[in-house]
Protein backbone atom coordinates (compact mmCIF):
# COMPACT_ATOMS: atom_id res chain seq x y z
CA MET A 1 179.15 171.47 81.66
CA ARG A 2 180.49 168.36 83.39
CA LYS A 3 178.00 165.85 84.80
CA VAL A 4 178.56 165.32 88.51
CA LYS A 5 177.83 161.88 89.91
CA ALA A 6 177.40 160.63 93.45
CA THR A 7 180.70 159.80 95.12
CA ASN A 8 179.34 157.92 98.13
CA PRO A 9 180.17 154.26 97.40
CA GLU A 10 177.26 153.00 99.52
CA LEU A 11 174.82 155.19 97.60
CA ILE A 12 176.21 154.12 94.22
CA GLU A 13 175.93 150.46 95.21
CA LEU A 14 172.35 150.94 96.49
CA ILE A 15 171.24 152.68 93.28
CA SER A 16 172.72 149.86 91.19
CA PHE A 17 171.08 147.24 93.42
CA LEU A 18 167.66 148.90 93.16
CA LYS A 19 167.87 149.13 89.36
CA LYS A 20 168.83 145.45 89.15
CA GLN A 21 165.92 144.43 91.40
CA SER A 22 163.57 146.54 89.28
CA ARG A 23 164.58 144.57 86.19
CA GLU A 24 164.52 141.16 87.88
CA ASN A 25 161.20 141.60 89.68
CA LYS A 26 159.55 143.75 86.98
CA ALA A 27 158.70 146.30 89.68
CA GLU A 28 159.02 149.93 88.60
CA ILE A 29 158.90 151.15 92.21
CA TRP A 30 162.55 150.17 92.77
CA ARG A 31 163.66 152.11 89.66
CA ASP A 32 161.69 155.15 90.83
CA ILE A 33 163.42 155.03 94.23
CA ALA A 34 166.83 154.61 92.55
CA GLU A 35 166.21 157.69 90.39
CA ARG A 36 165.19 159.71 93.45
CA LEU A 37 168.37 158.65 95.27
CA ALA A 38 170.48 159.58 92.23
CA LYS A 39 169.39 163.22 92.30
CA PRO A 40 171.95 165.86 93.26
CA ARG A 41 172.64 166.23 96.97
CA ARG A 42 171.06 169.66 97.16
CA GLN A 43 167.78 168.05 96.05
CA GLY A 44 168.14 165.27 98.63
CA ILE A 45 165.32 164.41 100.98
CA ALA A 46 165.47 164.89 104.75
CA LEU A 47 162.19 163.88 106.33
CA ASN A 48 161.04 164.38 109.91
CA LEU A 49 159.06 161.84 111.93
CA SER A 50 156.21 164.34 112.28
CA ARG A 51 155.55 164.14 108.52
CA LEU A 52 155.72 160.34 108.57
CA ASN A 53 153.25 160.31 111.45
CA ARG A 54 150.89 162.63 109.55
CA TYR A 55 150.84 160.68 106.26
CA THR A 56 150.87 157.07 107.47
CA GLN A 57 148.54 154.66 109.19
CA LYS A 58 149.27 151.86 111.65
CA ASN A 59 151.46 149.07 110.17
CA ASP A 60 152.17 150.89 106.87
CA THR A 61 155.39 150.20 104.98
CA VAL A 62 157.16 153.41 103.93
CA VAL A 63 160.21 154.15 101.79
CA VAL A 64 162.14 157.38 102.28
CA PRO A 65 164.68 157.99 99.48
CA GLY A 66 166.88 160.05 101.78
CA LYS A 67 167.39 160.54 105.51
CA VAL A 68 164.87 160.24 108.35
CA LEU A 69 165.29 162.88 111.07
CA ALA A 70 163.93 162.88 114.63
CA THR A 71 161.84 166.05 114.85
CA GLY A 72 158.32 165.21 115.96
CA GLU A 73 156.77 162.09 117.42
CA LEU A 74 155.59 158.80 115.96
CA SER A 75 152.32 157.62 117.51
CA HIS A 76 151.86 154.32 115.67
CA PRO A 77 154.11 151.47 114.49
CA ILE A 78 155.31 151.61 110.89
CA THR A 79 158.08 149.92 108.91
CA ILE A 80 160.52 152.37 107.34
CA ALA A 81 163.22 151.73 104.76
CA ALA A 82 165.53 154.69 104.18
CA PHE A 83 169.03 155.45 102.98
CA ALA A 84 169.94 156.86 106.42
CA PHE A 85 168.43 157.40 109.86
CA SER A 86 169.55 159.79 112.57
CA GLY A 87 170.32 158.04 115.85
CA ARG A 88 167.48 159.75 117.69
CA ALA A 89 165.02 158.91 114.89
CA LYS A 90 165.86 155.20 115.23
CA GLU A 91 165.22 155.41 118.97
CA LYS A 92 161.83 157.09 118.48
CA ILE A 93 160.77 154.60 115.80
CA ASN A 94 161.71 151.66 118.02
CA THR A 95 159.88 153.24 120.98
CA ALA A 96 156.71 153.39 118.84
CA ASN A 97 157.19 149.64 118.05
CA GLY A 98 158.15 150.48 114.47
CA LYS A 99 160.98 148.99 112.42
CA CYS A 100 163.95 150.55 110.62
CA ILE A 101 165.01 148.24 107.80
CA SER A 102 167.37 148.34 104.85
CA PHE A 103 166.28 148.36 101.23
CA ALA A 104 167.71 144.83 100.80
CA ASP A 105 165.51 143.51 103.63
CA LEU A 106 162.46 145.27 102.20
CA ILE A 107 163.04 143.81 98.72
CA LYS A 108 163.56 140.35 100.20
CA LYS A 109 160.29 140.69 102.12
CA ASN A 110 158.30 142.31 99.27
CA PRO A 111 160.01 141.89 95.85
CA ALA A 112 157.04 143.23 93.87
CA GLY A 113 156.92 146.41 95.95
CA SER A 114 153.19 146.21 96.59
CA ASP A 115 151.53 148.27 99.35
CA ILE A 116 154.57 150.52 99.81
CA LYS A 117 154.31 154.30 100.19
CA ILE A 118 157.12 156.55 98.97
CA ILE A 119 157.25 159.67 101.10
CA GLY A 120 159.59 162.53 100.45
């Protein structure tokens, strides 16, 4: 059986970047996130704001190895790094004084990956 790989160039580049940062910073969290992103699309993660609200506290930093969707409300500010955000989810996160950031920004801010929750 033929091995199918991701064809999204942004996703391929992100996985490579995360693996490189894992080696350079000796932080296994980035490799774990890269492996989760490399899974087949049918096993991809789509996470609603209601779940993020339920499993986070105020000012937590969260990584979602997939897409953040807008169902539910966010009642406290959190920082979220994800592969993709729906437009409405970004609006709701910003309304709750939260932040939507890229993986590159998160790694620049916290190269060791300490105090980060992976949800999804």
